[in-house]
Amino acid sequence: MPAKQRAPRNRTITLTQSELKNYKSQLITLDSKAKAKTITDTIIHQDMFKAIEYLPPQFVDLLFLDPPYNLRKTFNLISFRETNTQEYAGWLDTWLSKLIPTLKKTASIYICGDWRSSSAIQQIAEKYFIIRNRITWEREKGRGAKTNWKNNSEDIWFCTLSNKYYFNADAVKLKRKVLAPYTHENGKPKDWEKTKQGDFRLTFPSNIWTDLTVPFWSMPENTDHPTQKPEKLLAKIILASSRPNEFIFDPFLGSGTTAVVAKKLGRHFLGIESDLTYAATTLKRIHLSEKESAIQGFSDGVFWERNALKE
């Protein structure tokens, strides 16, 4: 099959055959019980159900789960089909139950889904975790719908294993444009500041996220993965629910956003991905991040509204 013809300004990360061969040699598989130090900052190229049998106990501080949603979707050679809610819930339980032993008692868990999978995720999450919140984030692009409401949002369920957990709201404040610039009697701004880029206020994070940009062809983080999450999304989660040098685990790694952002933010990571191209793409992205550690929409420890930060 001929290679895709891409626009001159297309920055999508792709692999040459030599890169694929090189990165393939750096991926690992597990065939016996592993120690945490041997899988730190690695990518496992293996069926998740096989790999998790060999993972060590209680090494995970933050578990990020982005499983296939309950809809028809193809990821290279792997296809998924839509099932009923109870079947999907049963599938979630088959692997989530096996991940519980990997979690530290203070671990936080984030589970991605959409409106179709929402009830199944809640059902299974309640079985093992304390559900703290449900984040809804806006996907600002997508096709219109003439016979239904346009679907442009997804959910992320925030859970913890116990009542002892870490959460740093100060690390994920959002810088918003000030629409009503109130001032004190002396004329000084009330809870906002003037900058060269306009008037802005720092706000605490809510469970509605409208500041994310889904990766597209002109962004340097973009890959050919069909459901790639934005680096900014993972940065919010990692900064809020982990400390530097703690361990982030993603067993549905895809094109590697979790691992890449964990590295950029000074955390350790482990990812599992069964597709060779996506697993190798992750390693290339990690390699590229050593030269460029910026995260779109995040600067000087502050998250900016979409298109507000002039970069």
C-alpha atoms as a PDB file:
ATOM      1  CA  MET A   1       0.000   0.000   0.000  1.00  0.00           C
ATOM      2  CA  PRO A   2       1.482   3.417  -0.966  1.00  0.00           C
ATOM      3  CA  ALA A   3       2.322   5.846   1.824  1.00  0.00           C
ATOM      4  CA  LYS A   4      -0.194   8.549   2.660  1.00  0.00           C
ATOM      5  CA  GLN A   5       0.263  11.831   0.816  1.00  0.00           C
ATOM      6  CA  ARG A   6       0.408  14.503   3.500  1.00  0.00           C
ATOM      7  CA  ALA A   7       0.160  18.269   3.292  1.00  0.00           C
ATOM      8  CA  PRO A   8       3.467  20.192   3.465  1.00  0.00           C
ATOM      9  CA  ARG A   9       2.691  21.567   6.946  1.00  0.00           C
ATOM     10  CA  ASN A  10       1.459  18.237   8.304  1.00  0.00           C
ATOM     11  CA  ARG A  11       3.409  17.470  11.502  1.00  0.00           C
ATOM     12  CA  THR A  12       1.904  14.044  12.237  1.00  0.00           C
ATOM     13  CA  ILE A  13       4.449  11.724  13.846  1.00  0.00           C
ATOM     14  CA  THR A  14       5.099   8.695  11.634  1.00  0.00           C
ATOM     15  CA  LEU A  15       7.637   5.860  11.529  1.00  0.00           C
ATOM     16  CA  THR A  16      10.027   4.776   8.823  1.00  0.00           C
ATOM     17  CA  GLN A  17      10.686   1.055   8.476  1.00  0.00           C
ATOM     18  CA  SER A  18      14.132   1.474  10.022  1.00  0.00           C
ATOM     19  CA  GLU A  19      12.652   3.388  12.971  1.00  0.00           C
ATOM     20  CA  LEU A  20      10.011   0.704  13.438  1.00  0.00           C
ATOM     21  CA  LYS A  21      12.724  -1.953  13.542  1.00  0.00           C
ATOM     22  CA  ASN A  22      14.857   0.050  15.951  1.00  0.00           C
ATOM     23  CA  TYR A  23      12.039   0.892  18.358  1.00  0.00           C
ATOM     24  CA  LYS A  24      10.671  -2.646  18.211  1.00  0.00           C
ATOM     25  CA  SER A  25      13.955  -3.859  19.728  1.00  0.00           C
ATOM     26  CA  GLN A  26      13.443  -1.494  22.691  1.00  0.00           C
ATOM     27  CA  LEU A  27       9.968  -2.793  23.580  1.00  0.00           C
ATOM     28  CA  ILE A  28       9.635  -5.495  26.218  1.00  0.00           C
ATOM     29  CA  THR A  29       7.375  -8.475  26.904  1.00  0.00           C
ATOM     30  CA  LEU A  30       6.822 -10.242  30.208  1.00  0.00           C
ATOM     31  CA  ASP A  31       6.926 -14.009  30.769  1.00  0.00           C
ATOM     32  CA  SER A  32       7.604 -14.111  34.505  1.00  0.00           C
ATOM     33  CA  LYS A  33       6.861 -12.045  37.584  1.00  0.00           C
ATOM     34  CA  ALA A  34       8.499  -8.634  37.193  1.00  0.00           C
ATOM     35  CA  LYS A  35       9.910  -6.249  39.765  1.00  0.00           C
ATOM     36  CA  ALA A  36       8.917  -2.607  39.669  1.00  0.00           C
ATOM     37  CA  LYS A  37      12.462  -1.447  38.914  1.00  0.00           C
ATOM     38  CA  THR A  38      12.692  -3.653  35.819  1.00  0.00           C
ATOM     39  CA  ILE A  39       9.553  -2.186  34.231  1.00  0.00           C
ATOM     40  CA  THR A  40      10.058   1.448  35.228  1.00  0.00           C
ATOM     41  CA  ASP A  41       9.925   3.818  32.234  1.00  0.00           C
ATOM     42  CA  THR A  42       9.275   1.009  29.759  1.00  0.00           C
ATOM     43  CA  ILE A  43       6.686   0.095  27.163  1.00  0.00           C
ATOM     44  CA  ILE A  44       5.341  -3.456  27.094  1.00  0.00           C
ATOM     45  CA  HIS A  45       4.337  -4.710  23.645  1.00  0.00           C
ATOM     46  CA  GLN A  46       2.037  -7.560  24.582  1.00  0.00           C
ATOM     47  CA  ASP A  47      -1.573  -8.556  25.061  1.00  0.00           C
ATOM     48  CA  MET A  48      -2.684  -6.770  28.210  1.00  0.00           C
ATOM     49  CA  PHE A  49      -4.355  -9.842  29.717  1.00  0.00           C
ATOM     50  CA  LYS A  50      -1.056 -11.737  29.534  1.00  0.00           C
ATOM     51  CA  ALA A  51       1.124  -8.861  30.718  1.00  0.00           C
ATOM     52  CA  ILE A  52      -0.873  -7.986  33.826  1.00  0.00           C
ATOM     53  CA  GLU A  53      -0.400 -11.512  35.199  1.00  0.00           C
ATOM     54  CA  TYR A  54       3.295 -10.687  35.664  1.00  0.00           C
ATOM     55  CA  LEU A  55       3.053  -7.187  37.131  1.00  0.00           C
ATOM     56  CA  PRO A  56       4.363  -6.564  40.663  1.00  0.00           C
ATOM     57  CA  PRO A  57       2.017  -5.646  43.524  1.00  0.00           C
ATOM     58  CA  GLN A  58       1.301  -2.114  44.752  1.00  0.00           C
ATOM     59  CA  PHE A  59       3.613  -0.105  42.507  1.00  0.00           C
ATOM     60  CA  VAL A  60       1.087   2.275  40.885  1.00  0.00           C
ATOM     61  CA  ASP A  61       0.372   5.789  42.200  1.00  0.00           C
ATOM     62  CA  LEU A  62      -1.857   6.845  39.303  1.00  0.00           C
ATOM     63  CA  LEU A  63      -3.756   4.512  36.982  1.00  0.00           C
ATOM     64  CA  PHE A  64      -5.039   6.030  33.737  1.00  0.00           C
ATOM     65  CA  LEU A  65      -7.507   3.889  31.803  1.00  0.00           C
ATOM     66  CA  ASP A  66      -8.588   4.700  28.264  1.00  0.00           C
ATOM     67  CA  PRO A  67     -10.118   1.421  27.079  1.00  0.00           C
ATOM     68  CA  PRO A  68     -11.996   0.995  23.793  1.00  0.00           C
ATOM     69  CA  TYR A  69     -15.400   2.611  24.171  1.00  0.00           C
ATOM     70  CA  ASN A  70     -18.601   0.662  23.670  1.00  0.00           C
ATOM     71  CA  LEU A  71     -18.822   1.348  19.944  1.00  0.00           C
ATOM     72  CA  ARG A  72     -17.535  -0.016  16.650  1.00  0.00           C
ATOM     73  CA  LYS A  73     -13.941   1.091  16.130  1.00  0.00           C
ATOM     74  CA  THR A  74     -10.826  -0.215  14.386  1.00  0.00           C
ATOM     75  CA  PHE A  75      -7.298   0.334  15.698  1.00  0.00           C
ATOM     76  CA  ASN A  76      -4.980  -0.836  12.898  1.00  0.00           C
ATOM     77  CA  LEU A  77      -5.533  -4.624  12.933  1.00  0.00           C
ATOM     78  CA  ILE A  78      -7.732  -4.734  16.049  1.00  0.00           C
ATOM     79  CA  SER A  79     -11.478  -4.109  15.828  1.00  0.00           C
ATOM     80  CA  PHE A  80     -14.109  -3.658  18.532  1.00  0.00           C
ATOM     81  CA  ARG A  81     -17.876  -3.902  18.240  1.00  0.00           C
ATOM     82  CA  GLU A  82     -20.698  -2.322  20.186  1.00  0.00           C
ATOM     83  CA  THR A  83     -22.381  -4.563  22.775  1.00  0.00           C
ATOM     84  CA  ASN A  84     -25.138  -4.034  25.319  1.00  0.00           C
ATOM     85  CA  THR A  85     -24.365  -2.276  28.581  1.00  0.00           C
ATOM     86  CA  GLN A  86     -24.132  -5.414  30.719  1.00  0.00           C
ATOM     87  CA  GLU A  87     -21.781  -7.155  28.292  1.00  0.00           C
ATOM     88  CA  TYR A  88     -19.559  -4.099  28.221  1.00  0.00           C
ATOM     89  CA  ALA A  89     -19.602  -3.894  32.021  1.00  0.00           C
ATOM     90  CA  GLY A  90     -18.635  -7.555  32.186  1.00  0.00           C
ATOM     91  CA  TRP A  91     -15.720  -6.943  29.824  1.00  0.00           C
ATOM     92  CA  LEU A  92     -14.528  -4.011  31.945  1.00  0.00           C
ATOM     93  CA  ASP A  93     -14.621  -6.208  35.038  1.00  0.00           C
ATOM     94  CA  THR A  94     -12.530  -8.987  33.452  1.00  0.00           C
ATOM     95  CA  TRP A  95      -9.415  -6.826  33.349  1.00  0.00           C
ATOM     96  CA  LEU A  96     -10.072  -4.098  35.938  1.00  0.00           C
ATOM     97  CA  SER A  97     -10.326  -6.658  38.730  1.00  0.00           C
ATOM     98  CA  LYS A  98      -6.854  -7.925  37.811  1.00  0.00           C
ATOM     99  CA  LEU A  99      -5.345  -4.439  38.019  1.00  0.00           C
ATOM    100  CA  ILE A 100      -6.420  -3.786  41.624  1.00  0.00           C
ATOM    101  CA  PRO A 101      -3.399  -5.592  43.168  1.00  0.00           C
ATOM    102  CA  THR A 102      -0.998  -3.275  41.269  1.00  0.00           C
ATOM    103  CA  LEU A 103      -2.342  -0.184  43.060  1.00  0.00           C
ATOM    104  CA  LYS A 104      -0.906   1.453  46.126  1.00  0.00           C
ATOM    105  CA  LYS A 105      -3.439   2.117  48.878  1.00  0.00           C
ATOM    106  CA  THR A 106      -3.173   5.849  48.101  1.00  0.00           C
ATOM    107  CA  ALA A 107      -3.657   5.420  44.337  1.00  0.00           C
ATOM    108  CA  SER A 108      -5.920   7.513  42.141  1.00  0.00           C
ATOM    109  CA  ILE A 109      -7.707   6.086  39.110  1.00  0.00           C
ATOM    110  CA  TYR A 110      -9.076   7.854  36.034  1.00  0.00           C
ATOM    111  CA  ILE A 111     -11.359   5.971  33.613  1.00  0.00           C
ATOM    112  CA  CYS A 112     -12.264   7.407  30.197  1.00  0.00           C
ATOM    113  CA  GLY A 113     -15.563   6.800  28.456  1.00  0.00           C
ATOM    114  CA  ASP A 114     -18.432   8.328  26.522  1.00  0.00           C
ATOM    115  CA  TRP A 115     -22.175   8.552  27.120  1.00  0.00           C
ATOM    116  CA  ARG A 116     -22.753   4.989  25.865  1.00  0.00           C
ATOM    117  CA  SER A 117     -20.303   3.479  28.345  1.00  0.00           C
ATOM    118  CA  SER A 118     -21.078   5.808  31.245  1.00  0.00           C
ATOM    119  CA  SER A 119     -23.445   3.552  33.195  1.00  0.00           C
ATOM    120  CA  ALA A 120     -21.221   0.495  32.760  1.00  0.00           C
ATOM    121  CA  ILE A 121     -18.142   2.384  33.969  1.00  0.00           C
ATOM    122  CA  GLN A 122     -19.979   3.689  37.024  1.00  0.00           C
ATOM    123  CA  GLN A 123     -21.269   0.200  37.829  1.00  0.00           C
ATOM    124  CA  ILE A 124     -17.828  -1.413  37.762  1.00  0.00           C
ATOM    125  CA  ALA A 125     -15.931   1.533  39.274  1.00  0.00           C
ATOM    126  CA  GLU A 126     -18.242   1.512  42.306  1.00  0.00           C
ATOM    127  CA  LYS A 127     -17.419  -2.143  42.811  1.00  0.00           C
ATOM    128  CA  TYR A 128     -13.722  -1.455  43.478  1.00  0.00           C
ATOM    129  CA  PHE A 129     -13.185   2.266  44.082  1.00  0.00           C
ATOM    130  CA  ILE A 130     -14.510   5.405  45.704  1.00  0.00           C
ATOM    131  CA  ILE A 131     -15.871   7.570  42.886  1.00  0.00           C
ATOM    132  CA  ARG A 132     -14.883  11.181  43.529  1.00  0.00           C
ATOM    133  CA  ASN A 133     -16.162  12.942  40.442  1.00  0.00           C
ATOM    134  CA  ARG A 134     -17.000  12.693  36.765  1.00  0.00           C
ATOM    135  CA  ILE A 135     -15.127  15.082  34.504  1.00  0.00           C
ATOM    136  CA  THR A 136     -16.728  16.036  31.201  1.00  0.00           C
ATOM    137  CA  TRP A 137     -14.457  17.467  28.534  1.00  0.00           C
ATOM    138  CA  GLU A 138     -15.367  19.111  25.258  1.00  0.00           C
ATOM    139  CA  ARG A 139     -14.134  17.635  22.005  1.00  0.00           C
ATOM    140  CA  GLU A 140     -14.239  20.793  19.937  1.00  0.00           C
ATOM    141  CA  LYS A 141     -14.319  19.066  16.570  1.00  0.00           C
ATOM    142  CA  GLY A 142     -16.559  16.466  15.010  1.00  0.00           C
ATOM    143  CA  ARG A 143     -19.221  15.975  12.358  1.00  0.00           C
ATOM    144  CA  GLY A 144     -22.637  17.520  12.731  1.00  0.00           C
ATOM    145  CA  ALA A 145     -25.739  15.384  13.220  1.00  0.00           C
ATOM    146  CA  LYS A 146     -29.094  16.003  11.504  1.00  0.00           C
ATOM    147  CA  THR A 147     -31.158  13.454  13.448  1.00  0.00           C
ATOM    148  CA  ASN A 148     -29.556  13.829  16.886  1.00  0.00           C
ATOM    149  CA  TRP A 149     -27.559  16.228  19.044  1.00  0.00           C
ATOM    150  CA  LYS A 150     -23.953  16.517  17.919  1.00  0.00           C
ATOM    151  CA  ASN A 151     -21.765  14.434  20.220  1.00  0.00           C
ATOM    152  CA  ASN A 152     -18.794  16.559  21.252  1.00  0.00           C
ATOM    153  CA  SER A 153     -18.045  15.504  24.832  1.00  0.00           C
ATOM    154  CA  GLU A 154     -16.423  12.622  26.686  1.00  0.00           C
ATOM    155  CA  ASP A 155     -16.230  11.667  30.352  1.00  0.00           C
ATOM    156  CA  ILE A 156     -13.415  10.780  32.720  1.00  0.00           C
ATOM    157  CA  TRP A 157     -14.329   9.139  36.026  1.00  0.00           C
ATOM    158  CA  PHE A 158     -12.059  10.199  38.892  1.00  0.00           C
ATOM    159  CA  CYS A 159     -11.754   7.506  41.582  1.00  0.00           C
ATOM    160  CA  THR A 160      -9.506   6.593  44.490  1.00  0.00           C
ATOM    161  CA  LEU A 161      -8.737   3.320  46.162  1.00  0.00           C
ATOM    162  CA  SER A 162      -9.172   4.770  49.645  1.00  0.00           C
ATOM    163  CA  ASN A 163      -9.861   7.997  51.490  1.00  0.00           C
ATOM    164  CA  LYS A 164      -6.135   8.676  51.676  1.00  0.00           C
ATOM    165  CA  TYR A 165      -5.075  10.104  48.342  1.00  0.00           C
ATOM    166  CA  TYR A 166      -3.158  13.020  46.798  1.00  0.00           C
ATOM    167  CA  PHE A 167      -4.815  15.901  44.956  1.00  0.00           C
ATOM    168  CA  ASN A 168      -3.129  19.216  44.105  1.00  0.00           C
ATOM    169  CA  ALA A 169      -5.668  21.749  42.861  1.00  0.00           C
ATOM    170  CA  ASP A 170      -3.070  24.536  42.799  1.00  0.00           C
ATOM    171  CA  ALA A 171      -1.088  22.666  40.145  1.00  0.00           C
ATOM    172  CA  VAL A 172      -3.960  22.698  37.647  1.00  0.00           C
ATOM    173  CA  LYS A 173      -5.382  26.190  37.827  1.00  0.00           C
ATOM    174  CA  LEU A 174      -6.836  27.580  34.607  1.00  0.00           C
ATOM    175  CA  LYS A 175      -6.076  31.064  33.298  1.00  0.00           C
ATOM    176  CA  ARG A 176      -9.325  32.560  31.983  1.00  0.00           C
ATOM    177  CA  LYS A 177     -10.030  35.799  30.171  1.00  0.00           C
ATOM    178  CA  VAL A 178     -11.743  38.356  32.389  1.00  0.00           C
ATOM    179  CA  LEU A 179     -15.118  39.397  30.980  1.00  0.00           C
ATOM    180  CA  ALA A 180     -16.057  41.696  33.861  1.00  0.00           C
ATOM    181  CA  PRO A 181     -12.866  43.384  35.124  1.00  0.00           C
ATOM    182  CA  TYR A 182     -13.986  44.556  38.562  1.00  0.00           C
ATOM    183  CA  THR A 183     -11.576  46.722  40.533  1.00  0.00           C
ATOM    184  CA  HIS A 184     -11.053  47.775  44.152  1.00  0.00           C
ATOM    185  CA  GLU A 185     -11.768  51.376  45.217  1.00  0.00           C
ATOM    186  CA  ASN A 186      -8.120  52.190  44.528  1.00  0.00           C
ATOM    187  CA  GLY A 187      -8.487  50.957  40.955  1.00  0.00           C
ATOM    188  CA  LYS A 188      -6.458  47.778  41.383  1.00  0.00           C
ATOM    189  CA  PRO A 189      -7.813  44.578  39.779  1.00  0.00           C
ATOM    190  CA  LYS A 190      -9.996  42.270  41.924  1.00  0.00           C
ATOM    191  CA  ASP A 191      -8.615  38.723  41.663  1.00  0.00           C
ATOM    192  CA  TRP A 192      -7.294  39.257  38.120  1.00  0.00           C
ATOM    193  CA  GLU A 193      -4.246  40.748  36.446  1.00  0.00           C
ATOM    194  CA  LYS A 194      -3.361  42.783  33.401  1.00  0.00           C
ATOM    195  CA  THR A 195      -0.902  41.169  30.996  1.00  0.00           C
ATOM    196  CA  LYS A 196       0.436  41.905  27.527  1.00  0.00           C
ATOM    197  CA  GLN A 197      -1.964  39.257  26.234  1.00  0.00           C
ATOM    198  CA  GLY A 198      -5.019  40.697  27.976  1.00  0.00           C
ATOM    199  CA  ASP A 199      -6.817  40.563  31.323  1.00  0.00           C
ATOM    200  CA  PHE A 200      -6.794  37.126  32.978  1.00  0.00           C
ATOM    201  CA  ARG A 201      -7.897  35.444  36.189  1.00  0.00           C
ATOM    202  CA  LEU A 202      -6.523  32.229  37.694  1.00  0.00           C
ATOM    203  CA  THR A 203      -9.377  29.882  38.609  1.00  0.00           C
ATOM    204  CA  PHE A 204      -9.521  26.571  40.419  1.00  0.00           C
ATOM    205  CA  PRO A 205     -10.267  23.580  38.172  1.00  0.00           C
ATOM    206  CA  SER A 206     -13.827  22.348  37.727  1.00  0.00           C
ATOM    207  CA  ASN A 207     -15.140  19.060  36.336  1.00  0.00           C
ATOM    208  CA  ILE A 208     -16.063  20.739  33.035  1.00  0.00           C
ATOM    209  CA  TRP A 209     -13.055  21.090  30.706  1.00  0.00           C
ATOM    210  CA  THR A 210     -13.531  23.311  27.658  1.00  0.00           C
ATOM    211  CA  ASP A 211      -9.893  24.262  27.087  1.00  0.00           C
ATOM    212  CA  LEU A 212      -8.630  21.127  25.308  1.00  0.00           C
ATOM    213  CA  THR A 213      -7.676  20.747  21.671  1.00  0.00           C
ATOM    214  CA  VAL A 214      -7.955  17.273  20.149  1.00  0.00           C
ATOM    215  CA  PRO A 215      -4.647  16.621  18.318  1.00  0.00           C
ATOM    216  CA  PHE A 216      -4.784  17.340  14.603  1.00  0.00           C
ATOM    217  CA  TRP A 217      -2.396  17.266  11.649  1.00  0.00           C
ATOM    218  CA  SER A 218      -0.550  20.547  12.277  1.00  0.00           C
ATOM    219  CA  MET A 219       0.200  19.830  15.951  1.00  0.00           C
ATOM    220  CA  PRO A 220       3.580  18.242  16.781  1.00  0.00           C
ATOM    221  CA  GLU A 221       1.973  15.735  19.160  1.00  0.00           C
ATOM    222  CA  ASN A 222      -0.382  14.331  16.508  1.00  0.00           C
ATOM    223  CA  THR A 223      -0.224  10.670  15.416  1.00  0.00           C
ATOM    224  CA  ASP A 224      -2.389   8.457  13.216  1.00  0.00           C
ATOM    225  CA  HIS A 225      -4.094   6.909  16.240  1.00  0.00           C
ATOM    226  CA  PRO A 226      -7.882   7.408  15.822  1.00  0.00           C
ATOM    227  CA  THR A 227      -8.674   8.230  19.472  1.00  0.00           C
ATOM    228  CA  GLN A 228      -5.550  10.023  20.664  1.00  0.00           C
ATOM    229  CA  LYS A 229      -5.974  12.053  23.853  1.00  0.00           C
ATOM    230  CA  PRO A 230      -4.426  15.556  24.080  1.00  0.00           C
ATOM    231  CA  GLU A 231      -1.199  15.921  26.047  1.00  0.00           C
ATOM    232  CA  LYS A 232      -2.846  18.787  27.912  1.00  0.00           C
ATOM    233  CA  LEU A 233      -5.568  16.445  29.199  1.00  0.00           C
ATOM    234  CA  LEU A 234      -2.998  14.032  30.647  1.00  0.00           C
ATOM    235  CA  ALA A 235      -0.985  16.910  32.080  1.00  0.00           C
ATOM    236  CA  LYS A 236      -3.998  18.032  34.115  1.00  0.00           C
ATOM    237  CA  ILE A 237      -4.548  14.554  35.517  1.00  0.00           C
ATOM    238  CA  ILE A 238      -0.890  13.798  36.215  1.00  0.00           C
ATOM    239  CA  LEU A 239      -0.208  17.128  37.922  1.00  0.00           C
ATOM    240  CA  ALA A 240      -3.371  16.958  40.018  1.00  0.00           C
ATOM    241  CA  SER A 241      -3.033  13.349  41.165  1.00  0.00           C
ATOM    242  CA  SER A 242       0.674  12.541  41.379  1.00  0.00           C
ATOM    243  CA  ARG A 243       3.899  13.906  42.769  1.00  0.00           C
ATOM    244  CA  PRO A 244       7.239  14.090  40.924  1.00  0.00           C
ATOM    245  CA  ASN A 245       8.912  10.663  40.548  1.00  0.00           C
ATOM    246  CA  GLU A 246       5.681   8.781  41.292  1.00  0.00           C
ATOM    247  CA  PHE A 247       4.519   5.952  39.037  1.00  0.00           C
ATOM    248  CA  ILE A 248       1.931   6.390  36.276  1.00  0.00           C
ATOM    249  CA  PHE A 249       0.478   3.259  34.620  1.00  0.00           C
ATOM    250  CA  ASP A 250      -1.557   3.066  31.413  1.00  0.00           C
ATOM    251  CA  PRO A 251      -2.511  -0.465  30.251  1.00  0.00           C
ATOM    252  CA  PHE A 252      -4.275   0.834  27.098  1.00  0.00           C
ATOM    253  CA  LEU A 253      -1.429   3.042  25.996  1.00  0.00           C
ATOM    254  CA  GLY A 254      -2.378   3.650  22.365  1.00  0.00           C
ATOM    255  CA  SER A 255       0.021   6.142  20.802  1.00  0.00           C
ATOM    256  CA  GLY A 256       1.664   6.859  24.147  1.00  0.00           C
ATOM    257  CA  THR A 257       0.353  10.194  25.383  1.00  0.00           C
ATOM    258  CA  THR A 258       0.325   9.101  29.035  1.00  0.00           C
ATOM    259  CA  ALA A 259       3.944   7.937  28.958  1.00  0.00           C
ATOM    260  CA  VAL A 260       5.122  11.009  27.038  1.00  0.00           C
ATOM    261  CA  VAL A 261       3.470  13.476  29.408  1.00  0.00           C
ATOM    262  CA  ALA A 262       4.624  11.535  32.468  1.00  0.00           C
ATOM    263  CA  LYS A 263       8.207  11.877  31.238  1.00  0.00           C
ATOM    264  CA  LYS A 264       7.786  15.568  30.431  1.00  0.00           C
ATOM    265  CA  LEU A 265       6.469  16.192  33.955  1.00  0.00           C
ATOM    266  CA  GLY A 266       9.124  14.173  35.809  1.00  0.00           C
ATOM    267  CA  ARG A 267       7.092  11.060  36.638  1.00  0.00           C
ATOM    268  CA  HIS A 268       7.877   7.386  36.049  1.00  0.00           C
ATOM    269  CA  PHE A 269       5.675   5.427  33.698  1.00  0.00           C
ATOM    270  CA  LEU A 270       4.688   2.030  32.391  1.00  0.00           C
ATOM    271  CA  GLY A 271       2.506   1.423  29.370  1.00  0.00           C
ATOM    272  CA  ILE A 272       1.066  -1.674  27.711  1.00  0.00           C
ATOM    273  CA  GLU A 273       0.167  -1.668  24.023  1.00  0.00           C
ATOM    274  CA  SER A 274      -0.570  -4.698  21.845  1.00  0.00           C
ATOM    275  CA  ASP A 275      -0.213  -2.899  18.514  1.00  0.00           C
ATOM    276  CA  LEU A 276       3.411  -2.715  17.348  1.00  0.00           C
ATOM    277  CA  THR A 277       3.079   0.512  15.358  1.00  0.00           C
ATOM    278  CA  TYR A 278       1.486   2.407  18.226  1.00  0.00           C
ATOM    279  CA  ALA A 279       3.950   1.017  20.787  1.00  0.00           C
ATOM    280  CA  ALA A 280       6.894   2.017  18.596  1.00  0.00           C
ATOM    281  CA  THR A 281       5.346   5.433  17.981  1.00  0.00           C
ATOM    282  CA  THR A 282       5.284   5.931  21.746  1.00  0.00           C
ATOM    283  CA  LEU A 283       9.028   5.379  21.948  1.00  0.00           C
ATOM    284  CA  LYS A 284       9.610   7.856  19.138  1.00  0.00           C
ATOM    285  CA  ARG A 285       7.455  10.429  20.926  1.00  0.00           C
ATOM    286  CA  ILE A 286       9.392   9.860  24.152  1.00  0.00           C
ATOM    287  CA  HIS A 287      12.635  10.333  22.239  1.00  0.00           C
ATOM    288  CA  LEU A 288      11.334  13.566  20.680  1.00  0.00           C
ATOM    289  CA  SER A 289      10.229  14.838  24.097  1.00  0.00           C
ATOM    290  CA  GLU A 290      13.840  14.845  25.258  1.00  0.00           C
ATOM    291  CA  LYS A 291      14.425  17.744  22.855  1.00  0.00           C
ATOM    292  CA  GLU A 292      11.024  19.405  23.162  1.00  0.00           C
ATOM    293  CA  SER A 293       9.210  19.122  26.487  1.00  0.00           C
ATOM    294  CA  ALA A 294       6.523  21.778  25.924  1.00  0.00           C
ATOM    295  CA  ILE A 295       2.849  20.895  26.345  1.00  0.00           C
ATOM    296  CA  GLN A 296       0.406  22.838  24.178  1.00  0.00           C
ATOM    297  CA  GLY A 297      -1.747  25.183  26.271  1.00  0.00           C
ATOM    298  CA  PHE A 298       0.386  24.793  29.426  1.00  0.00           C
ATOM    299  CA  SER A 299       3.048  27.372  30.247  1.00  0.00           C
ATOM    300  CA  ASP A 300       4.892  28.456  33.407  1.00  0.00           C
ATOM    301  CA  GLY A 301       2.829  26.121  35.555  1.00  0.00           C
ATOM    302  CA  VAL A 302      -0.524  27.439  34.319  1.00  0.00           C
ATOM    303  CA  PHE A 303      -3.164  26.022  31.960  1.00  0.00           C
ATOM    304  CA  TRP A 304      -4.628  28.479  29.470  1.00  0.00           C
ATOM    305  CA  GLU A 305      -8.007  28.541  27.779  1.00  0.00           C
ATOM    306  CA  ARG A 306      -8.052  27.146  24.267  1.00  0.00           C
ATOM    307  CA  ASN A 307      -6.399  29.547  21.779  1.00  0.00           C
ATOM    308  CA  ALA A 308      -5.717  32.115  24.523  1.00  0.00           C
ATOM    309  CA  LEU A 309      -1.975  31.472  24.876  1.00  0.00           C
ATOM    310  CA  LYS A 310      -0.008  33.130  22.087  1.00  0.00           C
ATOM    311  CA  GLU A 311       2.851  30.711  21.460  1.00  0.00           C
END
